[in-house]
Amino acid sequence: MAVTAPPMPPGTRPPVPPPAVPSRRRTDRDEPPRRSDEHDHGAAWAFLWILFAFKMATVFLIWWASRSYETGVFLAGTTWFWIIVPALAFAAPIAFRWRLIRVRRRRAQLQRSEWLVEST
């Protein structure tokens, strides 16, 4: 009596292994292969910076053309939230570095406490 596998549901296939790629010797000049789930956020940040610069240039030109106190107050009241873009852009790396310094300080403290044993 032969045992067979149960039938597979329609539309499903077993995973197919990737084709064999001939290997070559890697050198130091080779960059590591990028994973498919890594995304390049540089384009998004470039877009935001261009948008921010265009907005600030437009606000400046409007203020310069009118040169009135009321226009300045109106522009300040309607564009204050645009400060969020550079604040986020600069806060994230600063927060990362601050946390990195604290973690390294704590790690050094733990390593010192591991080796500083008082003799009795």
C-alpha atoms as a PDB file:
ATOM      1  CA  MET A   1       0.000   0.000   0.000  1.00  0.00           C
ATOM      2  CA  ALA A   2       1.525   3.313  -1.094  1.00  0.00           C
ATOM      3  CA  VAL A   3       1.101   6.441   0.961  1.00  0.00           C
ATOM      4  CA  THR A   4       0.527   9.582  -1.058  1.00  0.00           C
ATOM      5  CA  ALA A   5       0.534  13.221  -0.020  1.00  0.00           C
ATOM      6  CA  PRO A   6      -2.832  14.891   0.381  1.00  0.00           C
ATOM      7  CA  PRO A   7      -3.911  17.006  -2.577  1.00  0.00           C
ATOM      8  CA  MET A   8      -2.899  20.645  -2.459  1.00  0.00           C
ATOM      9  CA  PRO A   9      -5.555  23.349  -2.558  1.00  0.00           C
ATOM     10  CA  PRO A  10      -5.959  25.005  -5.944  1.00  0.00           C
ATOM     11  CA  GLY A  11      -3.681  27.964  -6.608  1.00  0.00           C
ATOM     12  CA  THR A  12      -0.901  26.917  -4.220  1.00  0.00           C
ATOM     13  CA  ARG A  13       2.470  25.630  -5.252  1.00  0.00           C
ATOM     14  CA  PRO A  14       5.406  24.370  -3.251  1.00  0.00           C
ATOM     15  CA  PRO A  15       8.237  26.909  -2.882  1.00  0.00           C
ATOM     16  CA  VAL A  16      10.735  26.830  -5.723  1.00  0.00           C
ATOM     17  CA  PRO A  17      14.397  27.138  -4.736  1.00  0.00           C
ATOM     18  CA  PRO A  18      16.270  30.020  -6.380  1.00  0.00           C
ATOM     19  CA  PRO A  19      18.444  29.130  -9.355  1.00  0.00           C
ATOM     20  CA  ALA A  20      22.051  28.372  -8.649  1.00  0.00           C
ATOM     21  CA  VAL A  21      24.299  31.345  -9.325  1.00  0.00           C
ATOM     22  CA  PRO A  22      27.938  30.696 -10.065  1.00  0.00           C
ATOM     23  CA  SER A  23      29.930  32.092  -7.191  1.00  0.00           C
ATOM     24  CA  ARG A  24      32.815  34.440  -7.686  1.00  0.00           C
ATOM     25  CA  ARG A  25      35.466  35.587  -5.324  1.00  0.00           C
ATOM     26  CA  ARG A  26      34.460  38.696  -3.395  1.00  0.00           C
ATOM     27  CA  THR A  27      36.821  41.591  -3.031  1.00  0.00           C
ATOM     28  CA  ASP A  28      36.900  44.514  -0.623  1.00  0.00           C
ATOM     29  CA  ARG A  29      35.564  46.792  -3.358  1.00  0.00           C
ATOM     30  CA  ASP A  30      32.329  44.823  -3.576  1.00  0.00           C
ATOM     31  CA  GLU A  31      29.495  46.405  -1.711  1.00  0.00           C
ATOM     32  CA  PRO A  32      27.301  44.126   0.352  1.00  0.00           C
ATOM     33  CA  PRO A  33      24.161  43.015  -1.411  1.00  0.00           C
ATOM     34  CA  ARG A  34      21.087  45.078  -0.527  1.00  0.00           C
ATOM     35  CA  ARG A  35      18.185  43.260   0.989  1.00  0.00           C
ATOM     36  CA  SER A  36      14.924  43.563  -0.832  1.00  0.00           C
ATOM     37  CA  ASP A  37      13.144  44.905   2.275  1.00  0.00           C
ATOM     38  CA  GLU A  38      15.533  47.846   2.657  1.00  0.00           C
ATOM     39  CA  HIS A  39      14.085  51.091   1.341  1.00  0.00           C
ATOM     40  CA  ASP A  40      15.939  54.204   0.369  1.00  0.00           C
ATOM     41  CA  HIS A  41      14.553  57.066   2.443  1.00  0.00           C
ATOM     42  CA  GLY A  42      16.856  59.608   0.830  1.00  0.00           C
ATOM     43  CA  ALA A  43      14.367  60.391  -1.907  1.00  0.00           C
ATOM     44  CA  ALA A  44      11.623  61.087   0.625  1.00  0.00           C
ATOM     45  CA  TRP A  45      13.842  63.413   2.662  1.00  0.00           C
ATOM     46  CA  ALA A  46      15.005  65.202  -0.508  1.00  0.00           C
ATOM     47  CA  PHE A  47      11.375  65.745  -1.485  1.00  0.00           C
ATOM     48  CA  LEU A  48      10.524  67.130   1.966  1.00  0.00           C
ATOM     49  CA  TRP A  49      13.511  69.490   1.970  1.00  0.00           C
ATOM     50  CA  ILE A  50      12.668  70.783  -1.514  1.00  0.00           C
ATOM     51  CA  LEU A  51       9.053  71.270  -0.465  1.00  0.00           C
ATOM     52  CA  PHE A  52      10.160  73.101   2.683  1.00  0.00           C
ATOM     53  CA  ALA A  53      12.588  75.353   0.776  1.00  0.00           C
ATOM     54  CA  PHE A  54       9.976  76.204  -1.842  1.00  0.00           C
ATOM     55  CA  LYS A  55       7.423  77.020   0.868  1.00  0.00           C
ATOM     56  CA  MET A  56       9.840  79.274   2.772  1.00  0.00           C
ATOM     57  CA  ALA A  57      10.938  81.031  -0.431  1.00  0.00           C
ATOM     58  CA  THR A  58       7.307  81.661  -1.355  1.00  0.00           C
ATOM     59  CA  VAL A  59       6.515  83.003   2.117  1.00  0.00           C
ATOM     60  CA  PHE A  60       9.545  85.292   1.971  1.00  0.00           C
ATOM     61  CA  LEU A  61       8.597  86.607  -1.472  1.00  0.00           C
ATOM     62  CA  ILE A  62       5.020  87.301  -0.333  1.00  0.00           C
ATOM     63  CA  TRP A  63       6.286  89.151   2.749  1.00  0.00           C
ATOM     64  CA  TRP A  64       8.891  91.059   0.722  1.00  0.00           C
ATOM     65  CA  ALA A  65       6.323  92.123  -1.879  1.00  0.00           C
ATOM     66  CA  SER A  66       3.833  93.467   0.684  1.00  0.00           C
ATOM     67  CA  ARG A  67       6.130  94.614   3.521  1.00  0.00           C
ATOM     68  CA  SER A  68       3.254  95.161   5.921  1.00  0.00           C
ATOM     69  CA  TYR A  69       2.885  94.132   9.538  1.00  0.00           C
ATOM     70  CA  GLU A  70      -0.480  92.480   8.908  1.00  0.00           C
ATOM     71  CA  THR A  71       0.934  90.308   6.148  1.00  0.00           C
ATOM     72  CA  GLY A  72       3.801  89.242   8.405  1.00  0.00           C
ATOM     73  CA  VAL A  73       1.380  88.287  11.179  1.00  0.00           C
ATOM     74  CA  PHE A  74      -0.833  86.410   8.724  1.00  0.00           C
ATOM     75  CA  LEU A  75       2.119  84.534   7.222  1.00  0.00           C
ATOM     76  CA  ALA A  76       3.495  83.652  10.656  1.00  0.00           C
ATOM     77  CA  GLY A  77       0.093  82.404  11.779  1.00  0.00           C
ATOM     78  CA  THR A  78      -0.444  80.242   8.716  1.00  0.00           C
ATOM     79  CA  THR A  79       3.063  78.786   8.345  1.00  0.00           C
ATOM     80  CA  TRP A  80       4.246  78.184  11.932  1.00  0.00           C
ATOM     81  CA  PHE A  81       3.663  74.430  11.669  1.00  0.00           C
ATOM     82  CA  TRP A  82       6.228  74.191   8.849  1.00  0.00           C
ATOM     83  CA  ILE A  83       8.869  74.349  11.570  1.00  0.00           C
ATOM     84  CA  ILE A  84       7.970  70.703  12.280  1.00  0.00           C
ATOM     85  CA  VAL A  85       9.805  69.488   9.136  1.00  0.00           C
ATOM     86  CA  PRO A  86      13.307  70.700  10.117  1.00  0.00           C
ATOM     87  CA  ALA A  87      12.603  69.960  13.787  1.00  0.00           C
ATOM     88  CA  LEU A  88      11.944  66.305  12.978  1.00  0.00           C
ATOM     89  CA  ALA A  89      14.858  66.164  10.578  1.00  0.00           C
ATOM     90  CA  PHE A  90      17.295  67.386  13.221  1.00  0.00           C
ATOM     91  CA  ALA A  91      15.708  65.822  16.310  1.00  0.00           C
ATOM     92  CA  ALA A  92      15.943  62.203  15.155  1.00  0.00           C
ATOM     93  CA  PRO A  93      19.756  62.096  14.658  1.00  0.00           C
ATOM     94  CA  ILE A  94      20.328  64.122  17.830  1.00  0.00           C
ATOM     95  CA  ALA A  95      18.122  61.780  19.870  1.00  0.00           C
ATOM     96  CA  PHE A  96      19.888  58.767  18.357  1.00  0.00           C
ATOM     97  CA  ARG A  97      23.345  60.114  19.239  1.00  0.00           C
ATOM     98  CA  TRP A  98      22.242  61.052  22.747  1.00  0.00           C
ATOM     99  CA  ARG A  99      20.884  57.550  23.352  1.00  0.00           C
ATOM    100  CA  LEU A 100      24.039  56.002  21.857  1.00  0.00           C
ATOM    101  CA  ILE A 101      26.232  58.000  24.249  1.00  0.00           C
ATOM    102  CA  ARG A 102      24.102  56.959  27.240  1.00  0.00           C
ATOM    103  CA  VAL A 103      24.172  53.279  26.224  1.00  0.00           C
ATOM    104  CA  ARG A 104      27.938  53.316  25.712  1.00  0.00           C
ATOM    105  CA  ARG A 105      28.436  55.042  29.069  1.00  0.00           C
ATOM    106  CA  ARG A 106      26.273  52.410  30.767  1.00  0.00           C
ATOM    107  CA  ARG A 107      28.132  49.599  28.978  1.00  0.00           C
ATOM    108  CA  ALA A 108      31.505  50.973  30.109  1.00  0.00           C
ATOM    109  CA  GLN A 109      30.192  51.242  33.665  1.00  0.00           C
ATOM    110  CA  LEU A 110      29.017  47.628  33.616  1.00  0.00           C
ATOM    111  CA  GLN A 111      32.345  46.435  32.222  1.00  0.00           C
ATOM    112  CA  ARG A 112      34.247  48.340  34.941  1.00  0.00           C
ATOM    113  CA  SER A 113      32.016  46.929  37.666  1.00  0.00           C
ATOM    114  CA  GLU A 114      32.596  43.416  36.327  1.00  0.00           C
ATOM    115  CA  TRP A 115      36.373  43.661  36.732  1.00  0.00           C
ATOM    116  CA  LEU A 116      36.604  45.830  39.845  1.00  0.00           C
ATOM    117  CA  VAL A 117      36.378  43.240  42.594  1.00  0.00           C
ATOM    118  CA  GLU A 118      37.318  44.341  46.098  1.00  0.00           C
ATOM    119  CA  SER A 119      39.706  42.030  47.938  1.00  0.00           C
ATOM    120  CA  THR A 120      38.798  41.156  51.535  1.00  0.00           C
END
